[in-house]
C-alpha atoms as a PDB file:
ATOM      1  CA  MET A   1      30.760 -32.412  36.138  1.00  0.00           C
ATOM      2  CA  ALA A   2      27.962 -31.695  38.622  1.00  0.00           C
ATOM      3  CA  ILE A   3      28.739 -28.941  41.145  1.00  0.00           C
ATOM      4  CA  THR A   4      27.258 -29.756  44.535  1.00  0.00           C
ATOM      5  CA  ALA A   5      26.022 -27.239  47.103  1.00  0.00           C
ATOM      6  CA  GLU A   6      28.665 -28.626  49.459  1.00  0.00           C
ATOM      7  CA  ASP A   7      31.441 -27.749  46.943  1.00  0.00           C
ATOM      8  CA  VAL A   8      30.088 -24.199  46.622  1.00  0.00           C
ATOM      9  CA  LYS A   9      29.844 -23.848  50.415  1.00  0.00           C
ATOM     10  CA  LYS A  10      33.425 -25.024  50.863  1.00  0.00           C
ATOM     11  CA  LEU A  11      34.650 -22.486  48.243  1.00  0.00           C
ATOM     12  CA  ARG A  12      32.649 -19.703  49.814  1.00  0.00           C
ATOM     13  CA  GLU A  13      34.188 -20.464  53.229  1.00  0.00           C
ATOM     14  CA  LYS A  14      37.704 -20.338  51.780  1.00  0.00           C
ATOM     15  CA  THR A  15      37.282 -17.215  49.615  1.00  0.00           C
ATOM     16  CA  GLY A  16      34.340 -15.269  51.052  1.00  0.00           C
ATOM     17  CA  ALA A  17      33.060 -14.795  47.491  1.00  0.00           C
ATOM     18  CA  GLY A  18      29.313 -14.783  46.722  1.00  0.00           C
ATOM     19  CA  PHE A  19      27.334 -17.986  46.057  1.00  0.00           C
ATOM     20  CA  MET A  20      26.843 -17.344  42.320  1.00  0.00           C
ATOM     21  CA  ASP A  21      30.510 -16.326  41.834  1.00  0.00           C
ATOM     22  CA  CYS A  22      31.680 -19.515  43.546  1.00  0.00           C
ATOM     23  CA  LYS A  23      29.263 -21.697  41.532  1.00  0.00           C
ATOM     24  CA  ALA A  24      30.433 -20.079  38.265  1.00  0.00           C
ATOM     25  CA  ALA A  25      34.116 -20.434  39.187  1.00  0.00           C
ATOM     26  CA  LEU A  26      33.677 -24.144  40.022  1.00  0.00           C
ATOM     27  CA  ALA A  27      31.818 -24.698  36.738  1.00  0.00           C
ATOM     28  CA  GLU A  28      34.582 -22.929  34.786  1.00  0.00           C
ATOM     29  CA  ALA A  29      37.219 -25.020  36.605  1.00  0.00           C
ATOM     30  CA  ASN A  30      35.308 -28.287  35.949  1.00  0.00           C
ATOM     31  CA  GLY A  31      35.038 -28.838  39.683  1.00  0.00           C
ATOM     32  CA  ASP A  32      38.765 -28.339  40.413  1.00  0.00           C
ATOM     33  CA  PHE A  33      38.755 -26.544  43.776  1.00  0.00           C
ATOM     34  CA  GLU A  34      42.213 -24.956  43.603  1.00  0.00           C
ATOM     35  CA  GLU A  35      41.637 -23.746  40.024  1.00  0.00           C
ATOM     36  CA  ALA A  36      38.308 -22.226  41.125  1.00  0.00           C
ATOM     37  CA  VAL A  37      40.145 -20.316  43.915  1.00  0.00           C
ATOM     38  CA  ASP A  38      42.586 -19.017  41.264  1.00  0.00           C
ATOM     39  CA  ILE A  39      39.700 -17.941  38.996  1.00  0.00           C
ATOM     40  CA  LEU A  40      38.121 -15.971  41.859  1.00  0.00           C
ATOM     41  CA  ARG A  41      41.499 -14.359  42.675  1.00  0.00           C
ATOM     42  CA  LYS A  42      42.000 -13.368  39.020  1.00  0.00           C
ATOM     43  CA  LYS A  43      38.526 -11.877  39.038  1.00  0.00           C
ATOM     44  CA  GLY A  44      39.678  -9.691  41.962  1.00  0.00           C
ATOM     45  CA  ILE A  45      42.698  -8.589  39.918  1.00  0.00           C
ATOM     46  CA  SER A  46      40.517  -7.657  36.928  1.00  0.00           C
ATOM     47  CA  VAL A  47      38.113  -5.704  39.168  1.00  0.00           C
ATOM     48  CA  ALA A  48      41.114  -3.945  40.731  1.00  0.00           C
ATOM     49  CA  THR A  49      42.422  -2.976  37.289  1.00  0.00           C
ATOM     50  CA  LYS A  50      39.033  -1.516  36.297  1.00  0.00           C
ATOM     51  CA  ARG A  51      38.784   0.463  39.552  1.00  0.00           C
ATOM     52  CA  GLU A  52      42.317   1.957  39.415  1.00  0.00           C
ATOM     53  CA  GLY A  53      41.171   5.457  38.471  1.00  0.00           C
ATOM     54  CA  LYS A  54      38.545   5.584  41.232  1.00  0.00           C
ATOM     55  CA  THR A  55      38.978   7.509  44.460  1.00  0.00           C
ATOM     56  CA  ALA A  56      38.945   5.558  47.689  1.00  0.00           C
ATOM     57  CA  SER A  57      38.005   8.260  50.192  1.00  0.00           C
ATOM     58  CA  GLN A  58      35.712   6.268  52.483  1.00  0.00           C
ATOM     59  CA  GLY A  59      36.798   3.531  54.866  1.00  0.00           C
ATOM     60  CA  ILE A  60      37.587   2.745  58.469  1.00  0.00           C
ATOM     61  CA  ILE A  61      40.322   2.949  61.072  1.00  0.00           C
ATOM     62  CA  ALA A  62      40.849  -0.578  62.438  1.00  0.00           C
ATOM     63  CA  SER A  63      42.667  -1.318  65.657  1.00  0.00           C
ATOM     64  CA  TYR A  64      44.259  -4.394  67.111  1.00  0.00           C
ATOM     65  CA  ILE A  65      45.789  -4.777  70.567  1.00  0.00           C
ATOM     66  CA  HIS A  66      47.760  -7.979  71.004  1.00  0.00           C
ATOM     67  CA  ALA A  67      47.206 -10.177  74.079  1.00  0.00           C
ATOM     68  CA  GLY A  68      49.136  -8.788  77.026  1.00  0.00           C
ATOM     69  CA  ASP A  69      48.500  -5.179  75.949  1.00  0.00           C
ATOM     70  CA  GLN A  70      52.129  -4.598  74.956  1.00  0.00           C
ATOM     71  CA  VAL A  71      51.689  -4.064  71.207  1.00  0.00           C
ATOM     72  CA  GLY A  72      48.897  -2.279  69.302  1.00  0.00           C
ATOM     73  CA  VAL A  73      48.163  -1.007  65.811  1.00  0.00           C
ATOM     74  CA  LEU A  74      45.906   1.501  64.129  1.00  0.00           C
ATOM     75  CA  VAL A  75      45.448   1.080  60.360  1.00  0.00           C
ATOM     76  CA  GLU A  76      43.450   3.166  57.882  1.00  0.00           C
ATOM     77  CA  VAL A  77      41.888   1.152  55.078  1.00  0.00           C
ATOM     78  CA  ASN A  78      39.974   3.008  52.353  1.00  0.00           C
ATOM     79  CA  CYS A  79      37.275   2.086  49.857  1.00  0.00           C
ATOM     80  CA  GLU A  80      34.943   4.018  47.527  1.00  0.00           C
ATOM     81  CA  THR A  81      31.664   4.003  49.529  1.00  0.00           C
ATOM     82  CA  ASP A  82      30.604   3.979  53.170  1.00  0.00           C
ATOM     83  CA  PHE A  83      28.324   1.033  52.263  1.00  0.00           C
ATOM     84  CA  VAL A  84      31.350  -1.178  51.504  1.00  0.00           C
ATOM     85  CA  ALA A  85      33.168   0.183  54.568  1.00  0.00           C
ATOM     86  CA  ARG A  86      30.411  -1.400  56.699  1.00  0.00           C
ATOM     87  CA  THR A  87      30.579  -4.845  55.044  1.00  0.00           C
ATOM     88  CA  GLU A  88      31.949  -7.836  56.910  1.00  0.00           C
ATOM     89  CA  ALA A  89      34.465  -8.664  54.165  1.00  0.00           C
ATOM     90  CA  PHE A  90      35.971  -5.163  54.279  1.00  0.00           C
ATOM     91  CA  ARG A  91      36.107  -4.983  58.079  1.00  0.00           C
ATOM     92  CA  GLU A  92      37.640  -8.473  58.291  1.00  0.00           C
ATOM     93  CA  PHE A  93      40.315  -7.403  55.789  1.00  0.00           C
ATOM     94  CA  ALA A  94      41.151  -4.307  57.845  1.00  0.00           C
ATOM     95  CA  HIS A  95      41.355  -6.391  61.040  1.00  0.00           C
ATOM     96  CA  ASN A  96      43.629  -8.947  59.352  1.00  0.00           C
ATOM     97  CA  VAL A  97      45.924  -6.133  58.117  1.00  0.00           C
ATOM     98  CA  ALA A  98      46.158  -4.737  61.667  1.00  0.00           C
ATOM     99  CA  MET A  99      47.115  -8.202  62.989  1.00  0.00           C
ATOM    100  CA  GLN A 100      49.715  -8.498  60.218  1.00  0.00           C
ATOM    101  CA  VAL A 101      51.317  -5.188  61.240  1.00  0.00           C
ATOM    102  CA  VAL A 102      51.468  -6.299  64.861  1.00  0.00           C
ATOM    103  CA  ALA A 103      53.085  -9.626  63.967  1.00  0.00           C
ATOM    104  CA  MET A 104      55.421  -8.703  61.088  1.00  0.00           C
ATOM    105  CA  GLN A 105      56.387  -5.099  61.834  1.00  0.00           C
ATOM    106  CA  PRO A 106      56.468  -3.681  58.281  1.00  0.00           C
ATOM    107  CA  ARG A 107      57.948  -0.212  57.906  1.00  0.00           C
ATOM    108  CA  TRP A 108      56.007   0.894  54.819  1.00  0.00           C
ATOM    109  CA  VAL A 109      52.704   0.024  53.125  1.00  0.00           C
ATOM    110  CA  SER A 110      54.228  -0.471  49.641  1.00  0.00           C
ATOM    111  CA  ARG A 111      57.492  -0.412  47.686  1.00  0.00           C
ATOM    112  CA  GLU A 112      56.596   3.068  46.403  1.00  0.00           C
ATOM    113  CA  GLU A 113      56.726   4.449  49.981  1.00  0.00           C
ATOM    114  CA  VAL A 114      60.314   3.295  50.624  1.00  0.00           C
ATOM    115  CA  PRO A 115      62.377   6.478  50.875  1.00  0.00           C
ATOM    116  CA  ALA A 116      65.082   6.920  48.235  1.00  0.00           C
ATOM    117  CA  ASP A 117      67.859   7.158  50.866  1.00  0.00           C
ATOM    118  CA  ALA A 118      66.771   3.839  52.441  1.00  0.00           C
ATOM    119  CA  MET A 119      66.755   2.184  49.003  1.00  0.00           C
ATOM    120  CA  ASP A 120      70.190   3.620  48.128  1.00  0.00           C
ATOM    121  CA  ARG A 121      71.634   2.418  51.442  1.00  0.00           C
ATOM    122  CA  GLU A 122      70.138  -1.081  51.047  1.00  0.00           C
ATOM    123  CA  ARG A 123      71.363  -1.347  47.448  1.00  0.00           C
ATOM    124  CA  GLU A 124      74.848  -0.236  48.540  1.00  0.00           C
ATOM    125  CA  VAL A 125      75.007  -2.855  51.336  1.00  0.00           C
ATOM    126  CA  LEU A 126      73.714  -5.655  49.100  1.00  0.00           C
ATOM    127  CA  THR A 127      76.153  -4.707  46.306  1.00  0.00           C
ATOM    128  CA  ALA A 128      79.094  -4.760  48.780  1.00  0.00           C
ATOM    129  CA  GLN A 129      77.962  -8.179  50.108  1.00  0.00           C
ATOM    130  CA  ALA A 130      77.707  -9.665  46.612  1.00  0.00           C
ATOM    131  CA  LYS A 131      81.130  -8.243  45.610  1.00  0.00           C
ATOM    132  CA  ALA A 132      82.662  -9.652  48.823  1.00  0.00           C
ATOM    133  CA  GLU A 133      81.486 -13.063  47.628  1.00  0.00           C
ATOM    134  CA  GLY A 134      83.753 -12.573  44.598  1.00  0.00           C
ATOM    135  CA  LYS A 135      80.948 -12.483  42.031  1.00  0.00           C
ATOM    136  CA  PRO A 136      81.411 -10.755  38.640  1.00  0.00           C
ATOM    137  CA  ASP A 137      79.585  -7.424  38.082  1.00  0.00           C
ATOM    138  CA  HIS A 138      76.815  -8.813  35.831  1.00  0.00           C
ATOM    139  CA  ILE A 139      76.007 -11.442  38.475  1.00  0.00           C
ATOM    140  CA  VAL A 140      76.218  -8.872  41.272  1.00  0.00           C
ATOM    141  CA  GLU A 141      73.403  -6.864  39.714  1.00  0.00           C
ATOM    142  CA  LYS A 142      71.100  -9.918  39.511  1.00  0.00           C
ATOM    143  CA  MET A 143      71.928 -10.887  43.105  1.00  0.00           C
ATOM    144  CA  VAL A 144      71.148  -7.378  44.341  1.00  0.00           C
ATOM    145  CA  GLU A 145      67.754  -7.382  42.553  1.00  0.00           C
ATOM    146  CA  GLY A 146      66.920 -10.796  44.092  1.00  0.00           C
ATOM    147  CA  ARG A 147      67.924  -9.669  47.568  1.00  0.00           C
ATOM    148  CA  LEU A 148      65.959  -6.417  47.166  1.00  0.00           C
ATOM    149  CA  LYS A 149      62.860  -8.564  46.604  1.00  0.00           C
ATOM    150  CA  LYS A 150      63.531 -10.173  49.997  1.00  0.00           C
ATOM    151  CA  PHE A 151      63.931  -6.684  51.493  1.00  0.00           C
ATOM    152  CA  TYR A 152      60.496  -5.698  50.127  1.00  0.00           C
ATOM    153  CA  GLU A 153      58.953  -8.930  51.420  1.00  0.00           C
ATOM    154  CA  GLU A 154      60.280  -8.168  54.920  1.00  0.00           C
ATOM    155  CA  TYR A 155      59.538  -4.444  55.215  1.00  0.00           C
ATOM    156  CA  CYS A 156      56.672  -3.587  52.791  1.00  0.00           C
ATOM    157  CA  LEU A 157      53.256  -4.619  54.064  1.00  0.00           C
ATOM    158  CA  LEU A 158      51.719  -5.454  50.671  1.00  0.00           C
ATOM    159  CA  ASP A 159      54.708  -7.695  49.735  1.00  0.00           C
ATOM    160  CA  GLN A 160      54.642  -9.619  53.021  1.00  0.00           C
ATOM    161  CA  LYS A 161      53.424 -13.215  53.251  1.00  0.00           C
ATOM    162  CA  TYR A 162      50.062 -13.286  54.998  1.00  0.00           C
ATOM    163  CA  ILE A 163      50.551 -14.641  58.551  1.00  0.00           C
ATOM    164  CA  ARG A 164      47.438 -16.840  58.329  1.00  0.00           C
ATOM    165  CA  ASP A 165      48.183 -18.315  54.885  1.00  0.00           C
ATOM    166  CA  ASP A 166      51.729 -18.006  53.562  1.00  0.00           C
ATOM    167  CA  SER A 167      50.630 -19.000  50.061  1.00  0.00           C
ATOM    168  CA  MET A 168      49.259 -15.452  49.800  1.00  0.00           C
ATOM    169  CA  THR A 169      50.713 -11.977  50.198  1.00  0.00           C
ATOM    170  CA  ILE A 170      48.812  -9.068  51.757  1.00  0.00           C
ATOM    171  CA  ASN A 171      48.413  -7.712  48.233  1.00  0.00           C
ATOM    172  CA  ASP A 172      46.675 -10.990  47.239  1.00  0.00           C
ATOM    173  CA  LEU A 173      44.411 -10.561  50.277  1.00  0.00           C
ATOM    174  CA  LEU A 174      43.656  -7.003  49.125  1.00  0.00           C
ATOM    175  CA  LEU A 175      42.802  -8.202  45.625  1.00  0.00           C
ATOM    176  CA  ASP A 176      40.454 -10.808  47.136  1.00  0.00           C
ATOM    177  CA  VAL A 177      38.562  -8.099  49.026  1.00  0.00           C
ATOM    178  CA  VAL A 178      38.409  -5.981  45.839  1.00  0.00           C
ATOM    179  CA  GLY A 179      36.846  -8.976  44.074  1.00  0.00           C
ATOM    180  CA  LYS A 180      34.333  -9.486  46.896  1.00  0.00           C
ATOM    181  CA  THR A 181      33.306  -5.813  47.207  1.00  0.00           C
ATOM    182  CA  GLY A 182      33.663  -4.658  43.579  1.00  0.00           C
ATOM    183  CA  GLU A 183      35.364  -1.461  44.752  1.00  0.00           C
ATOM    184  CA  LYS A 184      38.848  -0.023  44.899  1.00  0.00           C
ATOM    185  CA  VAL A 185      40.378  -0.835  48.308  1.00  0.00           C
ATOM    186  CA  ALA A 186      43.621   0.649  49.623  1.00  0.00           C
ATOM    187  CA  VAL A 187      45.672   0.400  52.789  1.00  0.00           C
ATOM    188  CA  ARG A 188      46.492   4.061  53.317  1.00  0.00           C
ATOM    189  CA  ARG A 189      48.647   4.066  56.438  1.00  0.00           C
ATOM    190  CA  PHE A 190      49.333   2.398  59.753  1.00  0.00           C
ATOM    191  CA  VAL A 191      51.021   3.131  63.056  1.00  0.00           C
ATOM    192  CA  ARG A 192      52.358   0.478  65.421  1.00  0.00           C
ATOM    193  CA  PHE A 193      52.908   1.049  69.142  1.00  0.00           C
ATOM    194  CA  GLN A 194      55.023  -1.155  71.389  1.00  0.00           C
ATOM    195  CA  VAL A 195      55.475  -0.570  75.082  1.00  0.00           C
ATOM    196  CA  GLY A 196      59.081   0.451  75.860  1.00  0.00           C
ATOM    197  CA  GLU A 197      60.219   0.980  72.285  1.00  0.00           C
ATOM    198  CA  GLU A 198      62.549   3.900  71.662  1.00  0.00           C
ATOM    199  CA  LEU A 199      60.802   7.188  70.990  1.00  0.00           C
END
């Protein structure tokens, strides 16, 4: 199937990947647009796997103040080189993460950051809820694991559905930027300020 320049342009606009990467993905997918998107996302995953041992000590602090000046966020996003930190794809990712934090109010960046006492408390509450529904113990355990996934999706930034495209998580968005930049990228930390919130 012939790949047109218009097809490549459309895929570039959706993914932000380079011209040659988009052309190759469309060729591999026999012109199937959605499959080409998946191919590019998988490429991001494979690049991320290769870069796991690398140190991401460069990066930027991105900020976002929501309209009305009542809520604001600072987020630190790291990469391997200052060259990548200056790219449009990296800066756009950092900005989108800051907007996500304003909108969805995560408590932690990842599951690994959830404190043990918070996990124990959540597991205890979910277990009690499942038992109150009269479920047998082996079912209770499965219910708790399923509900913990929802807990992560609500409170862990990387597990959250992306506010601009709920077919993706923030981790998917991160893997996309890894694929575009070819470097390890990490959201290190964030802080969210809201006027009038309890100190």
